[in-house]
Structures are given as structure tokens and as C-alpha cells.
Protein backbone atom coordinates (compact mmCIF):
# COMPACT_ATOMS: atom_id res chain seq x y z
CA ASP A 1 0.00 0.00 0.00
CA ASN A 2 2.96 2.36 0.30
CA VAL A 3 3.40 2.66 -3.46
CA VAL A 4 0.39 4.85 -4.25
CA VAL A 5 1.44 7.47 -6.78
CA ILE A 6 -0.92 10.41 -7.24
CA SER A 7 -0.34 13.31 -9.60
CA GLY A 8 -2.16 16.29 -11.04
CA THR A 9 -1.89 19.64 -12.70
CA THR A 10 -2.65 23.22 -11.72
CA THR A 11 -3.45 26.37 -13.65
CA ASN A 12 -1.92 29.74 -12.83
CA VAL A 13 -0.22 28.47 -9.69
CA GLU A 14 3.34 29.55 -9.05
CA ASN A 15 6.22 27.10 -8.62
CA ALA A 16 6.84 25.94 -5.04
CA GLN A 17 3.21 26.48 -3.95
CA VAL A 18 2.13 23.56 -1.78
CA VAL A 19 -0.55 21.08 -2.84
CA THR A 20 -2.19 19.30 0.09
CA VAL A 21 -3.48 15.84 -0.77
CA THR A 22 -5.76 13.91 1.58
CA LEU A 23 -6.79 10.29 1.24
CA THR A 24 -9.59 9.02 3.44
CA ASP A 25 -11.65 5.88 3.88
CA GLY A 26 -14.19 7.86 5.93
CA THR A 27 -12.56 6.85 9.21
CA THR A 28 -8.84 7.35 8.77
CA THR A 29 -7.15 10.14 6.81
CA VAL A 30 -3.66 10.32 5.33
CA THR A 31 -2.33 13.77 4.37
CA LYS A 32 0.67 14.50 2.15
CA THR A 33 2.05 17.73 0.70
CA VAL A 34 4.08 18.36 -2.43
CA ALA A 35 5.32 21.45 -4.27
CA VAL A 36 4.02 22.61 -7.63
CA SER A 37 6.56 22.69 -10.45
CA SER A 38 5.56 24.05 -13.89
CA ASN A 39 1.86 23.71 -12.98
CA ALA A 40 2.24 20.00 -12.14
CA TRP A 41 2.71 17.97 -8.97
CA ALA A 42 3.16 14.31 -8.05
CA LEU A 43 3.25 12.28 -4.88
CA SER A 44 5.95 9.90 -6.08
CA GLY A 45 9.30 8.59 -4.91
CA ALA A 46 9.83 9.57 -1.28
CA ASP A 47 6.57 11.58 -1.38
CA ARG A 48 4.34 8.56 -2.10
CA ALA A 49 1.27 8.20 0.07
CA ASP A 50 1.43 5.31 2.54
CA ILE A 51 -2.17 4.13 2.84
CA THR A 52 -1.59 0.99 4.91
CA ALA A 53 -3.77 2.44 7.68
CA LEU A 54 -6.77 2.82 5.36
CA ASN A 55 -9.54 0.23 5.11
CA ASN A 56 -10.38 -1.62 1.91
CA GLY A 57 -13.13 -0.03 -0.15
CA PRO A 58 -13.68 3.45 -1.53
CA ILE A 59 -10.93 5.99 -0.82
CA THR A 60 -11.63 9.68 -1.44
CA VAL A 61 -8.60 11.60 -2.72
CA THR A 62 -8.72 15.40 -2.51
CA ALA A 63 -6.06 17.88 -3.68
CA ASN A 64 -6.06 21.54 -2.61
CA VAL A 65 -3.73 24.40 -3.57
CA SER A 66 -3.61 28.21 -3.30
CA ASP A 67 -1.63 30.63 -5.41
CA ALA A 68 1.04 32.93 -3.96
CA HIS A 69 -1.65 35.54 -3.14
CA GLY A 70 -3.67 33.08 -1.06
CA ASN A 71 -6.41 32.49 -3.63
CA ALA A 72 -7.63 28.94 -3.15
CA GLY A 73 -8.11 26.84 -6.24
CA THR A 74 -11.07 24.56 -6.69
CA ALA A 75 -10.39 21.30 -4.88
CA ALA A 76 -9.95 18.28 -7.10
CA THR A 77 -11.61 15.10 -5.82
CA ARG A 78 -11.58 11.55 -7.09
CA THR A 79 -12.67 8.26 -5.57
CA ILE A 80 -10.45 5.20 -5.96
CA THR A 81 -10.87 1.68 -4.62
CA LEU A 82 -8.42 0.04 -2.24
CA ASP A 83 -8.48 -3.74 -2.56
CA ASN A 84 -5.56 -5.55 -0.97
CA VAL A 85 -7.39 -8.53 0.48
CA VAL A 86 -5.86 -11.75 -0.82
CA PRO A 87 -8.56 -14.14 -2.03
CA THR A 88 -8.46 -17.84 -1.17
CA ILE A 89 -9.13 -20.99 -3.15
CA THR A 90 -9.57 -24.47 -1.70
CA ILE A 91 -9.99 -27.89 -3.28
CA ASP A 92 -12.62 -30.14 -1.72
CA GLY A 93 -11.31 -32.93 0.48
CA THR A 94 -12.09 -36.12 -1.42
CA LEU A 95 -11.59 -36.78 -5.12
CA GLU A 96 -13.81 -39.39 -6.80
CA GLY A 97 -15.24 -40.39 -3.41
CA ASP A 98 -12.15 -42.30 -2.28
CA ASN A 99 -9.15 -40.27 -3.54
CA VAL A 100 -8.40 -43.03 -6.06
CA VAL A 101 -8.95 -42.50 -9.78
CA SER A 102 -9.84 -45.89 -11.22
CA ASN A 103 -9.68 -46.91 -14.87
CA SER A 104 -13.41 -46.25 -15.26
CA GLU A 105 -13.09 -42.75 -13.70
CA GLU A 106 -10.00 -41.46 -15.50
CA GLY A 107 -12.01 -40.20 -18.47
CA GLY A 108 -13.68 -37.38 -16.57
CA ILE A 109 -12.73 -36.77 -12.97
CA VAL A 110 -14.49 -33.94 -11.18
CA VAL A 111 -12.48 -31.47 -9.13
CA SER A 112 -14.46 -29.02 -7.02
CA GLY A 113 -13.80 -26.47 -4.35
CA THR A 114 -14.60 -23.11 -2.84
CA SER A 115 -13.24 -19.61 -2.98
CA ALA A 116 -13.47 -16.48 -0.85
CA GLY A 117 -12.88 -12.95 -2.07
CA LEU A 118 -13.55 -13.79 -5.72
CA ALA A 119 -16.54 -12.41 -7.60
CA LYS A 120 -19.02 -14.58 -9.48
CA ASP A 121 -17.62 -15.69 -12.85
CA THR A 122 -13.99 -15.32 -11.80
CA THR A 123 -11.77 -17.80 -13.66
CA ILE A 124 -10.22 -20.62 -11.64
CA SER A 125 -7.47 -22.53 -13.48
CA VAL A 126 -7.36 -26.19 -12.45
CA LYS A 127 -4.50 -28.54 -13.34
CA VAL A 128 -4.01 -32.26 -12.79
CA SER A 129 -0.43 -33.48 -13.14
CA GLY A 130 1.40 -36.71 -12.50
CA THR A 131 4.98 -37.87 -12.24
CA SER A 132 5.05 -38.02 -16.06
CA GLY A 133 2.73 -37.40 -18.96
CA THR A 134 0.82 -34.36 -20.20
CA ASP A 135 -0.88 -32.20 -17.59
CA VAL A 136 -4.64 -31.83 -17.89
CA THR A 137 -5.93 -28.27 -17.45
CA LYS A 138 -9.35 -26.68 -17.32
CA ASP A 139 -10.56 -23.14 -16.65
CA VAL A 140 -13.88 -22.80 -14.82
CA LYS A 141 -15.89 -19.92 -13.38
CA THR A 142 -16.83 -19.35 -9.76
CA ASN A 143 -20.48 -19.41 -8.75
CA LEU A 144 -22.16 -16.63 -6.78
CA ASP A 145 -21.51 -18.51 -3.51
CA GLY A 146 -17.80 -18.97 -4.34
CA THR A 147 -18.03 -22.65 -5.23
CA TRP A 148 -16.58 -24.02 -8.44
CA SER A 149 -16.43 -27.39 -10.18
CA ALA A 150 -14.34 -28.67 -13.09
CA THR A 151 -14.92 -31.84 -15.04
CA MET A 152 -11.40 -32.51 -16.22
CA GLY A 153 -10.49 -34.09 -19.54
CA THR A 154 -9.11 -37.59 -19.57
CA VAL A 155 -6.12 -38.19 -17.32
CA ASP A 156 -5.19 -41.51 -18.92
CA GLY A 157 -2.07 -39.85 -20.38
CA LEU A 158 -0.64 -39.41 -16.88
CA ALA A 159 1.47 -42.11 -15.27
CA ASN A 160 -0.10 -44.34 -12.65
CA GLY A 161 0.70 -43.13 -9.17
CA THR A 162 0.24 -39.91 -7.31
CA LEU A 163 -1.66 -37.11 -9.04
CA THR A 164 -1.27 -33.49 -7.99
CA ILE A 165 -4.20 -31.12 -8.42
CA THR A 166 -3.76 -27.36 -8.26
CA ALA A 167 -6.20 -24.47 -8.55
CA THR A 168 -5.29 -20.81 -9.01
CA GLY A 169 -7.09 -17.52 -9.61
CA SER A 170 -7.00 -13.76 -9.01
CA ASP A 171 -9.55 -11.13 -8.06
CA VAL A 172 -10.45 -8.13 -10.25
CA ALA A 173 -7.76 -6.04 -8.52
CA GLY A 174 -5.10 -8.56 -9.51
CA ASN A 175 -4.63 -10.02 -6.03
CA ALA A 176 -3.61 -13.64 -6.66
CA ALA A 177 -5.00 -16.33 -4.42
CA GLY A 178 -2.47 -18.73 -2.99
CA THR A 179 -2.33 -21.89 -5.07
CA ALA A 180 -4.61 -24.59 -3.68
CA SER A 181 -3.06 -28.04 -3.94
CA LYS A 182 -4.19 -31.60 -3.27
């Protein structure tokens, strides 16, 4: 959260005038200041806004500046969304009822699980791999309640023995869920 870069421009404001930028979640407020240079300013580098104390959700950003004569400019306001909650994905406990994929089941095993922090229709990428052979992959979408289910293609190209199943996905903000594995 300490890498938030915010920038803007001014009109008819002298160099070195101070822009005051506030970021608030409605409960906690972070305030930073930066000097105008050639009618532009940026909270970047060492001036970046550290918003780790702010709650996830809408963040109101407001920038205020006055010219050298004390005339206040019109405040600029924008709402951004803070989303740094890492989603989770899990794979259900038992595969094929007994955790053994028999010859009759290897043509279409079903892998299912749950997710938290992912919106409906988020893509979950499921992979079945073995000690050798070609991995079997399938992308599925989450349901409204966070559940998901993938009927995998045939796994008969994988060597007999232990199979590893993984599921991955990310939320709309790009926060990747930890890889679920079974």
C-alpha cells in the first residue's frame, strides 16, 4: 500500500506552492504535501502516500492548492478503490469419493472447491499433473456462492501413481490467491 502514486496539474499556480493531498476511507485520513513545479505535482518517490492504515473499499482523494496571493483553487476530488485482500481458493477434500482415480473414472474426474474474495464468474485454473505425462488443465468460473467445479479431460495420459491437483485464480484487482493443492 505504500506505493500509491498520485499526480495532477494546476493552472496559474506559481512554482513551489504547496498542494495538500488527503486520502480518506471515511474513518482514517492520510495527508501528504508536495510542491508545484511548472503547474504539475506528483506524490511519487519519497513523497508517495502510505495508505496501509486505510480500510479496503472506496478511498476519497482530494487535492487543494492556493496561489502565492492566497487564492484557493477549486479542490480536485476523485474516488479510488483500495483492494488488498488476498482471495483464497480451496480444493474439496475427497476426489472421486475415495481419492483413487480408477480406470473407469480417468475419463472425466471432477475437481471441485470453494473460494473467498472472488466475484461470481472469476476464472479458476485447475490442473491435474502426475509424475510423467501431459498435464490436464481446465478453466472454470466461480459461482455466486464462491463454489466451483471442473470436469477434467481424460487423465489416462498421466502415469499411474500420485496425481497433484492445483487451482489458481486472481480477483479483479489482480490479487492472486495462494495456489490450492491436493
